[in-house]
PDB file of N, CA and C in Angstrom:
ATOM      1  N   MET A   1      -4.772  -3.734 -16.631  1.00  0.00           N
ATOM      2  CA  MET A   1      -3.724  -3.587 -15.685  1.00  0.00           C
ATOM      3  C   MET A   1      -3.899  -4.347 -14.425  1.00  0.00           C
ATOM      4  N   PRO A   2      -5.155  -4.382 -13.929  1.00  0.00           N
ATOM      5  CA  PRO A   2      -5.305  -5.129 -12.661  1.00  0.00           C
ATOM      6  C   PRO A   2      -4.791  -6.542 -12.767  1.00  0.00           C
ATOM      7  N   GLU A   3      -4.823  -7.197 -13.924  1.00  0.00           N
ATOM      8  CA  GLU A   3      -4.418  -8.521 -14.073  1.00  0.00           C
ATOM      9  C   GLU A   3      -2.940  -8.587 -13.833  1.00  0.00           C
ATOM     10  N   VAL A   4      -2.157  -7.566 -14.139  1.00  0.00           N
ATOM     11  CA  VAL A   4      -0.717  -7.549 -13.909  1.00  0.00           C
ATOM     12  C   VAL A   4      -0.553  -7.607 -12.363  1.00  0.00           C
ATOM     13  N   ASP A   5      -1.278  -6.771 -11.559  1.00  0.00           N
ATOM     14  CA  ASP A   5      -1.203  -6.886 -10.183  1.00  0.00           C
ATOM     15  C   ASP A   5      -1.490  -8.167  -9.531  1.00  0.00           C
ATOM     16  N   ASP A   6      -2.497  -8.873 -10.182  1.00  0.00           N
ATOM     17  CA  ASP A   6      -2.886 -10.237  -9.711  1.00  0.00           C
ATOM     18  C   ASP A   6      -1.834 -11.288  -9.884  1.00  0.00           C
ATOM     19  N   ILE A   7      -1.067 -11.084 -10.979  1.00  0.00           N
ATOM     20  CA  ILE A   7       0.065 -12.007 -11.297  1.00  0.00           C
ATOM     21  C   ILE A   7       1.239 -11.640 -10.290  1.00  0.00           C
ATOM     22  N   LEU A   8       1.510 -10.421 -10.152  1.00  0.00           N
ATOM     23  CA  LEU A   8       2.543 -10.041  -9.131  1.00  0.00           C
ATOM     24  C   LEU A   8       2.214 -10.442  -7.682  1.00  0.00           C
ATOM     25  N   ILE A   9       0.962 -10.414  -7.326  1.00  0.00           N
ATOM     26  CA  ILE A   9       0.533 -10.690  -6.026  1.00  0.00           C
ATOM     27  C   ILE A   9       0.727 -12.278  -5.791  1.00  0.00           C
ATOM     28  N   GLN A  10       0.435 -13.085  -6.763  1.00  0.00           N
ATOM     29  CA  GLN A  10       0.558 -14.477  -6.687  1.00  0.00           C
ATOM     30  C   GLN A  10       2.028 -14.805  -6.579  1.00  0.00           C
ATOM     31  N   GLU A  11       2.824 -14.151  -7.376  1.00  0.00           N
ATOM     32  CA  GLU A  11       4.323 -14.346  -7.293  1.00  0.00           C
ATOM     33  C   GLU A  11       4.916 -13.888  -5.865  1.00  0.00           C
ATOM     34  N   ALA A  12       4.399 -12.794  -5.368  1.00  0.00           N
ATOM     35  CA  ALA A  12       4.874 -12.218  -4.084  1.00  0.00           C
ATOM     36  C   ALA A  12       4.440 -13.281  -2.976  1.00  0.00           C
ATOM     37  N   LEU A  13       3.276 -13.872  -3.117  1.00  0.00           N
ATOM     38  CA  LEU A  13       2.809 -14.872  -2.034  1.00  0.00           C
ATOM     39  C   LEU A  13       3.653 -16.040  -2.086  1.00  0.00           C
ATOM     40  N   LYS A  14       4.284 -16.345  -3.219  1.00  0.00           N
ATOM     41  CA  LYS A  14       5.238 -17.557  -3.356  1.00  0.00           C
ATOM     42  C   LYS A  14       6.594 -17.104  -2.766  1.00  0.00           C
ATOM     43  N   GLY A  15       6.785 -15.910  -2.467  1.00  0.00           N
ATOM     44  CA  GLY A  15       8.105 -15.434  -1.841  1.00  0.00           C
ATOM     45  C   GLY A  15       8.937 -14.661  -2.738  1.00  0.00           C
ATOM     46  N   ASP A  16       8.442 -14.323  -3.786  1.00  0.00           N
ATOM     47  CA  ASP A  16       9.203 -13.471  -4.896  1.00  0.00           C
ATOM     48  C   ASP A  16       9.228 -12.086  -4.479  1.00  0.00           C
ATOM     49  N   GLN A  17      10.391 -11.680  -3.875  1.00  0.00           N
ATOM     50  CA  GLN A  17      10.514 -10.250  -3.444  1.00  0.00           C
ATOM     51  C   GLN A  17      10.542  -9.332  -4.589  1.00  0.00           C
ATOM     52  N   LYS A  18      11.045  -9.684  -5.736  1.00  0.00           N
ATOM     53  CA  LYS A  18      11.046  -8.787  -6.895  1.00  0.00           C
ATOM     54  C   LYS A  18       9.549  -8.471  -7.352  1.00  0.00           C
ATOM     55  N   ALA A  19       8.719  -9.406  -7.225  1.00  0.00           N
ATOM     56  CA  ALA A  19       7.353  -9.140  -7.545  1.00  0.00           C
ATOM     57  C   ALA A  19       6.731  -8.172  -6.676  1.00  0.00           C
ATOM     58  N   PHE A  20       6.956  -8.274  -5.304  1.00  0.00           N
ATOM     59  CA  PHE A  20       6.433  -7.320  -4.375  1.00  0.00           C
ATOM     60  C   PHE A  20       7.094  -5.923  -4.667  1.00  0.00           C
ATOM     61  N   ARG A  21       8.336  -5.924  -4.918  1.00  0.00           N
ATOM     62  CA  ARG A  21       8.976  -4.538  -5.277  1.00  0.00           C
ATOM     63  C   ARG A  21       8.285  -3.929  -6.441  1.00  0.00           C
ATOM     64  N   SER A  22       7.915  -4.794  -7.463  1.00  0.00           N
ATOM     65  CA  SER A  22       7.205  -4.341  -8.581  1.00  0.00           C
ATOM     66  C   SER A  22       5.889  -3.680  -8.228  1.00  0.00           C
ATOM     67  N   LEU A  23       5.088  -4.314  -7.313  1.00  0.00           N
ATOM     68  CA  LEU A  23       3.864  -3.866  -6.848  1.00  0.00           C
ATOM     69  C   LEU A  23       4.079  -2.500  -6.203  1.00  0.00           C
ATOM     70  N   VAL A  24       5.126  -2.432  -5.316  1.00  0.00           N
ATOM     71  CA  VAL A  24       5.464  -1.148  -4.623  1.00  0.00           C
ATOM     72  C   VAL A  24       5.708  -0.126  -5.644  1.00  0.00           C
ATOM     73  N   SER A  25       6.501  -0.309  -6.653  1.00  0.00           N
ATOM     74  CA  SER A  25       6.875   0.675  -7.615  1.00  0.00           C
ATOM     75  C   SER A  25       5.729   1.072  -8.521  1.00  0.00           C
ATOM     76  N   ARG A  26       4.780   0.156  -8.778  1.00  0.00           N
ATOM     77  CA  ARG A  26       3.564   0.482  -9.606  1.00  0.00           C
ATOM     78  C   ARG A  26       2.589   1.387  -8.765  1.00  0.00           C
ATOM     79  N   HIS A  27       2.570   1.260  -7.483  1.00  0.00           N
ATOM     80  CA  HIS A  27       1.559   1.998  -6.674  1.00  0.00           C
ATOM     81  C   HIS A  27       2.182   3.100  -5.723  1.00  0.00           C
ATOM     82  N   GLN A  28       3.405   3.156  -5.553  1.00  0.00           N
ATOM     83  CA  GLN A  28       3.983   4.043  -4.653  1.00  0.00           C
ATOM     84  C   GLN A  28       3.641   5.532  -4.775  1.00  0.00           C
ATOM     85  N   ALA A  29       3.632   6.044  -5.961  1.00  0.00           N
ATOM     86  CA  ALA A  29       3.236   7.454  -6.183  1.00  0.00           C
ATOM     87  C   ALA A  29       1.859   7.761  -5.771  1.00  0.00           C
ATOM     88  N   SER A  30       0.925   6.808  -6.207  1.00  0.00           N
ATOM     89  CA  SER A  30      -0.533   7.095  -5.822  1.00  0.00           C
ATOM     90  C   SER A  30      -0.692   7.053  -4.289  1.00  0.00           C
ATOM     91  N   VAL A  31      -0.061   6.100  -3.658  1.00  0.00           N
ATOM     92  CA  VAL A  31      -0.183   5.941  -2.216  1.00  0.00           C
ATOM     93  C   VAL A  31       0.330   7.202  -1.560  1.00  0.00           C
ATOM     94  N   TYR A  32       1.500   7.659  -2.053  1.00  0.00           N
ATOM     95  CA  TYR A  32       2.145   8.842  -1.547  1.00  0.00           C
ATOM     96  C   TYR A  32       1.064  10.080  -1.593  1.00  0.00           C
ATOM     97  N   HIS A  33       0.473  10.228  -2.735  1.00  0.00           N
ATOM     98  CA  HIS A  33      -0.423  11.433  -2.974  1.00  0.00           C
ATOM     99  C   HIS A  33      -1.579  11.331  -2.059  1.00  0.00           C
ATOM    100  N   ILE A  34      -2.104  10.158  -1.869  1.00  0.00           N
ATOM    101  CA  ILE A  34      -3.256   9.986  -0.962  1.00  0.00           C
ATOM    102  C   ILE A  34      -2.821  10.435   0.471  1.00  0.00           C
ATOM    103  N   ILE A  35      -1.684   9.863   0.946  1.00  0.00           N
ATOM    104  CA  ILE A  35      -1.218  10.156   2.300  1.00  0.00           C
ATOM    105  C   ILE A  35      -0.824  11.639   2.444  1.00  0.00           C
ATOM    106  N   VAL A  36      -0.099  12.264   1.605  1.00  0.00           N
ATOM    107  CA  VAL A  36       0.361  13.600   1.702  1.00  0.00           C
ATOM    108  C   VAL A  36      -0.819  14.554   1.760  1.00  0.00           C
ATOM    109  N   ARG A  37      -1.872  14.259   1.032  1.00  0.00           N
ATOM    110  CA  ARG A  37      -3.109  15.061   1.055  1.00  0.00           C
ATOM    111  C   ARG A  37      -3.734  14.922   2.467  1.00  0.00           C
ATOM    112  N   MET A  38      -3.625  13.822   3.098  1.00  0.00           N
ATOM    113  CA  MET A  38      -4.279  13.684   4.425  1.00  0.00           C
ATOM    114  C   MET A  38      -3.443  14.346   5.587  1.00  0.00           C
ATOM    115  N   VAL A  39      -2.115  14.021   5.522  1.00  0.00           N
ATOM    116  CA  VAL A  39      -1.267  14.468   6.636  1.00  0.00           C
ATOM    117  C   VAL A  39      -0.579  15.914   6.420  1.00  0.00           C
ATOM    118  N   ARG A  40      -0.544  16.342   5.303  1.00  0.00           N
ATOM    119  CA  ARG A  40       0.051  17.607   4.820  1.00  0.00           C
ATOM    120  C   ARG A  40       1.475  17.759   5.277  1.00  0.00           C
ATOM    121  N   ASP A  41       2.245  16.641   5.231  1.00  0.00           N
ATOM    122  CA  ASP A  41       3.624  16.727   5.704  1.00  0.00           C
ATOM    123  C   ASP A  41       4.392  15.695   4.809  1.00  0.00           C
ATOM    124  N   LYS A  42       5.335  16.230   3.991  1.00  0.00           N
ATOM    125  CA  LYS A  42       5.997  15.250   2.963  1.00  0.00           C
ATOM    126  C   LYS A  42       6.905  14.252   3.641  1.00  0.00           C
ATOM    127  N   GLU A  43       7.677  14.659   4.701  1.00  0.00           N
ATOM    128  CA  GLU A  43       8.501  13.657   5.406  1.00  0.00           C
ATOM    129  C   GLU A  43       7.671  12.599   6.121  1.00  0.00           C
ATOM    130  N   LEU A  44       6.671  13.076   6.790  1.00  0.00           N
ATOM    131  CA  LEU A  44       5.802  12.106   7.404  1.00  0.00           C
ATOM    132  C   LEU A  44       5.080  11.175   6.389  1.00  0.00           C
ATOM    133  N   ALA A  45       4.678  11.764   5.255  1.00  0.00           N
ATOM    134  CA  ALA A  45       3.987  10.969   4.263  1.00  0.00           C
ATOM    135  C   ALA A  45       5.015   9.871   3.698  1.00  0.00           C
ATOM    136  N   ASP A  46       6.303  10.170   3.625  1.00  0.00           N
ATOM    137  CA  ASP A  46       7.222   9.104   3.184  1.00  0.00           C
ATOM    138  C   ASP A  46       7.281   7.954   4.123  1.00  0.00           C
ATOM    139  N   ASP A  47       7.345   8.319   5.440  1.00  0.00           N
ATOM    140  CA  ASP A  47       7.270   7.166   6.540  1.00  0.00           C
ATOM    141  C   ASP A  47       5.952   6.456   6.449  1.00  0.00           C
ATOM    142  N   LEU A  48       4.840   7.134   6.244  1.00  0.00           N
ATOM    143  CA  LEU A  48       3.556   6.420   6.187  1.00  0.00           C
ATOM    144  C   LEU A  48       3.417   5.596   4.943  1.00  0.00           C
ATOM    145  N   VAL A  49       4.030   5.946   3.934  1.00  0.00           N
ATOM    146  CA  VAL A  49       4.029   5.159   2.716  1.00  0.00           C
ATOM    147  C   VAL A  49       4.790   3.843   3.029  1.00  0.00           C
ATOM    148  N   GLN A  50       5.922   3.950   3.670  1.00  0.00           N
ATOM    149  CA  GLN A  50       6.615   2.806   3.985  1.00  0.00           C
ATOM    150  C   GLN A  50       5.738   1.890   4.933  1.00  0.00           C
ATOM    151  N   GLU A  51       5.175   2.407   5.903  1.00  0.00           N
ATOM    152  CA  GLU A  51       4.310   1.733   6.827  1.00  0.00           C
ATOM    153  C   GLU A  51       3.240   1.043   6.070  1.00  0.00           C
ATOM    154  N   THR A  52       2.613   1.707   5.100  1.00  0.00           N
ATOM    155  CA  THR A  52       1.516   1.196   4.379  1.00  0.00           C
ATOM    156  C   THR A  52       1.942  -0.165   3.628  1.00  0.00           C
ATOM    157  N   PHE A  53       3.175  -0.001   2.978  1.00  0.00           N
ATOM    158  CA  PHE A  53       3.550  -1.245   2.237  1.00  0.00           C
ATOM    159  C   PHE A  53       3.976  -2.376   3.142  1.00  0.00           C
ATOM    160  N   MET A  54       4.533  -2.070   4.326  1.00  0.00           N
ATOM    161  CA  MET A  54       4.859  -3.077   5.272  1.00  0.00           C
ATOM    162  C   MET A  54       3.559  -3.770   5.748  1.00  0.00           C
ATOM    163  N   LYS A  55       2.473  -3.025   6.031  1.00  0.00           N
ATOM    164  CA  LYS A  55       1.172  -3.617   6.428  1.00  0.00           C
ATOM    165  C   LYS A  55       0.638  -4.354   5.261  1.00  0.00           C
ATOM    166  N   ALA A  56       0.753  -3.837   4.034  1.00  0.00           N
ATOM    167  CA  ALA A  56       0.182  -4.630   2.864  1.00  0.00           C
ATOM    168  C   ALA A  56       0.990  -5.920   2.705  1.00  0.00           C
ATOM    169  N   PHE A  57       2.241  -5.901   2.858  1.00  0.00           N
ATOM    170  CA  PHE A  57       3.002  -7.134   2.692  1.00  0.00           C
ATOM    171  C   PHE A  57       2.612  -8.125   3.671  1.00  0.00           C
ATOM    172  N   SER A  58       2.521  -7.794   4.966  1.00  0.00           N
ATOM    173  CA  SER A  58       2.116  -8.691   6.079  1.00  0.00           C
ATOM    174  C   SER A  58       0.719  -9.137   5.908  1.00  0.00           C
ATOM    175  N   SER A  59      -0.143  -8.390   5.215  1.00  0.00           N
ATOM    176  CA  SER A  59      -1.564  -8.791   5.122  1.00  0.00           C
ATOM    177  C   SER A  59      -1.886  -9.272   3.680  1.00  0.00           C
ATOM    178  N   LEU A  60      -0.912  -9.538   2.829  1.00  0.00           N
ATOM    179  CA  LEU A  60      -1.133  -9.881   1.442  1.00  0.00           C
ATOM    180  C   LEU A  60      -2.009 -11.013   1.258  1.00  0.00           C
ATOM    181  N   ARG A  61      -1.885 -12.037   2.210  1.00  0.00           N
ATOM    182  CA  ARG A  61      -2.703 -13.262   2.108  1.00  0.00           C
ATOM    183  C   ARG A  61      -4.159 -13.012   2.291  1.00  0.00           C
ATOM    184  N   SER A  62      -4.476 -11.911   2.943  1.00  0.00           N
ATOM    185  CA  SER A  62      -5.919 -11.564   3.205  1.00  0.00           C
ATOM    186  C   SER A  62      -6.576 -10.824   2.025  1.00  0.00           C
ATOM    187  N   TYR A  63      -5.740 -10.360   1.066  1.00  0.00           N
ATOM    188  CA  TYR A  63      -6.229  -9.681  -0.110  1.00  0.00           C
ATOM    189  C   TYR A  63      -7.114 -10.635  -0.899  1.00  0.00           C
ATOM    190  N   ARG A  64      -8.326 -10.072  -1.310  1.00  0.00           N
ATOM    191  CA  ARG A  64      -9.247 -10.892  -2.083  1.00  0.00           C
ATOM    192  C   ARG A  64      -9.310 -10.342  -3.456  1.00  0.00           C
ATOM    193  N   SER A  65      -9.138 -11.146  -4.415  1.00  0.00           N
ATOM    194  CA  SER A  65      -8.883 -10.731  -5.787  1.00  0.00           C
ATOM    195  C   SER A  65     -10.234 -10.218  -6.427  1.00  0.00           C
ATOM    196  N   GLU A  66     -11.337 -10.389  -5.815  1.00  0.00           N
ATOM    197  CA  GLU A  66     -12.503  -9.845  -6.486  1.00  0.00           C
ATOM    198  C   GLU A  66     -12.520  -8.327  -6.389  1.00  0.00           C
ATOM    199  N   TYR A  67     -11.627  -7.727  -5.561  1.00  0.00           N
ATOM    200  CA  TYR A  67     -11.493  -6.324  -5.442  1.00  0.00           C
ATOM    201  C   TYR A  67     -10.180  -5.914  -6.149  1.00  0.00           C
ATOM    202  N   ARG A  68     -10.025  -4.714  -6.576  1.00  0.00           N
ATOM    203  CA  ARG A  68      -8.809  -4.221  -7.241  1.00  0.00           C
ATOM    204  C   ARG A  68      -7.822  -4.033  -6.080  1.00  0.00           C
ATOM    205  N   PHE A  69      -6.596  -4.475  -6.427  1.00  0.00           N
ATOM    206  CA  PHE A  69      -5.462  -4.342  -5.445  1.00  0.00           C
ATOM    207  C   PHE A  69      -5.363  -2.864  -5.038  1.00  0.00           C
ATOM    208  N   SER A  70      -5.382  -2.011  -6.024  1.00  0.00           N
ATOM    209  CA  SER A  70      -5.145  -0.580  -5.602  1.00  0.00           C
ATOM    210  C   SER A  70      -6.242  -0.117  -4.619  1.00  0.00           C
ATOM    211  N   THR A  71      -7.452  -0.501  -4.752  1.00  0.00           N
ATOM    212  CA  THR A  71      -8.488  -0.111  -3.793  1.00  0.00           C
ATOM    213  C   THR A  71      -8.126  -0.578  -2.369  1.00  0.00           C
ATOM    214  N   TRP A  72      -7.682  -1.832  -2.303  1.00  0.00           N
ATOM    215  CA  TRP A  72      -7.327  -2.484  -1.081  1.00  0.00           C
ATOM    216  C   TRP A  72      -6.150  -1.702  -0.422  1.00  0.00           C
ATOM    217  N   LEU A  73      -5.138  -1.425  -1.276  1.00  0.00           N
ATOM    218  CA  LEU A  73      -3.916  -0.795  -0.857  1.00  0.00           C
ATOM    219  C   LEU A  73      -4.198   0.766  -0.392  1.00  0.00           C
ATOM    220  N   TYR A  74      -5.023   1.428  -1.195  1.00  0.00           N
ATOM    221  CA  TYR A  74      -5.433   2.790  -0.798  1.00  0.00           C
ATOM    222  C   TYR A  74      -6.128   2.852   0.546  1.00  0.00           C
ATOM    223  N   LYS A  75      -6.932   1.855   0.877  1.00  0.00           N
ATOM    224  CA  LYS A  75      -7.676   1.827   2.056  1.00  0.00           C
ATOM    225  C   LYS A  75      -6.673   1.652   3.207  1.00  0.00           C
ATOM    226  N   ILE A  76      -5.629   0.787   3.014  1.00  0.00           N
ATOM    227  CA  ILE A  76      -4.649   0.668   4.034  1.00  0.00           C
ATOM    228  C   ILE A  76      -3.904   2.035   4.198  1.00  0.00           C
ATOM    229  N   ALA A  77      -3.566   2.654   3.128  1.00  0.00           N
ATOM    230  CA  ALA A  77      -2.876   3.961   3.224  1.00  0.00           C
ATOM    231  C   ALA A  77      -3.760   4.972   4.049  1.00  0.00           C
ATOM    232  N   ALA A  78      -5.034   5.058   3.688  1.00  0.00           N
ATOM    233  CA  ALA A  78      -5.893   5.965   4.375  1.00  0.00           C
ATOM    234  C   ALA A  78      -5.998   5.618   5.890  1.00  0.00           C
ATOM    235  N   ASN A  79      -6.107   4.334   6.178  1.00  0.00           N
ATOM    236  CA  ASN A  79      -6.161   3.913   7.545  1.00  0.00           C
ATOM    237  C   ASN A  79      -4.889   4.259   8.337  1.00  0.00           C
ATOM    238  N   CYS A  80      -3.682   4.045   7.659  1.00  0.00           N
ATOM    239  CA  CYS A  80      -2.407   4.361   8.318  1.00  0.00           C
ATOM    240  C   CYS A  80      -2.423   5.963   8.681  1.00  0.00           C
ATOM    241  N   SER A  81      -2.863   6.750   7.742  1.00  0.00           N
ATOM    242  CA  SER A  81      -2.888   8.164   7.925  1.00  0.00           C
ATOM    243  C   SER A  81      -3.865   8.540   9.023  1.00  0.00           C
ATOM    244  N   ILE A  82      -5.079   8.001   9.041  1.00  0.00           N
ATOM    245  CA  ILE A  82      -5.999   8.301  10.037  1.00  0.00           C
ATOM    246  C   ILE A  82      -5.534   7.843  11.416  1.00  0.00           C
ATOM    247  N   ASP A  83      -4.940   6.713  11.520  1.00  0.00           N
ATOM    248  CA  ASP A  83      -4.322   6.321  12.803  1.00  0.00           C
ATOM    249  C   ASP A  83      -3.312   7.172  13.221  1.00  0.00           C
ATOM    250  N   HIS A  84      -2.378   7.659  12.362  1.00  0.00           N
ATOM    251  CA  HIS A  84      -1.375   8.633  12.758  1.00  0.00           C
ATOM    252  C   HIS A  84      -2.030   9.928  13.176  1.00  0.00           C
ATOM    253  N   LEU A  85      -2.972  10.481  12.565  1.00  0.00           N
ATOM    254  CA  LEU A  85      -3.672  11.687  12.889  1.00  0.00           C
ATOM    255  C   LEU A  85      -4.395  11.565  14.231  1.00  0.00           C
ATOM    256  N   ARG A  86      -4.950  10.403  14.529  1.00  0.00           N
ATOM    257  CA  ARG A  86      -5.640  10.133  15.773  1.00  0.00           C
ATOM    258  C   ARG A  86      -4.617  10.165  16.953  1.00  0.00           C
ATOM    259  N   LYS A  87      -3.408   9.474  16.761  1.00  0.00           N
ATOM    260  CA  LYS A  87      -2.385   9.355  17.720  1.00  0.00           C
ATOM    261  C   LYS A  87      -1.797  10.818  18.018  1.00  0.00           C
ATOM    262  N   LYS A  88      -1.777  11.650  17.047  1.00  0.00           N
ATOM    263  CA  LYS A  88      -1.241  12.933  17.183  1.00  0.00           C
ATOM    264  C   LYS A  88      -1.954  13.913  18.040  1.00  0.00           C
ATOM    265  N   ARG A  89      -3.319  13.609  18.023  1.00  0.00           N
ATOM    266  CA  ARG A  89      -4.230  14.475  18.847  1.00  0.00           C
ATOM    267  C   ARG A  89      -4.003  14.290  20.338  1.00  0.00           C
TER     268      ARG A  89
END
């Protein structure tokens, strides 16, 4: 499965928006579950999922393929959640 992500990432880096949408749809549910467990608010989790994918898209060139894409993406999701919780305090 990770090789599918690698192919989609390469296509997304070439400007293929459909490839990035495919990455989003492959990982959206998992990212949502990570975030909703952290922030305990479904509407806020929806917003943070969107923010996670915007950050991932803008940082896609920094992704290193020796790591799984999902691990990299989940770290972005966790950091978005932590940042939000810090700002909230």
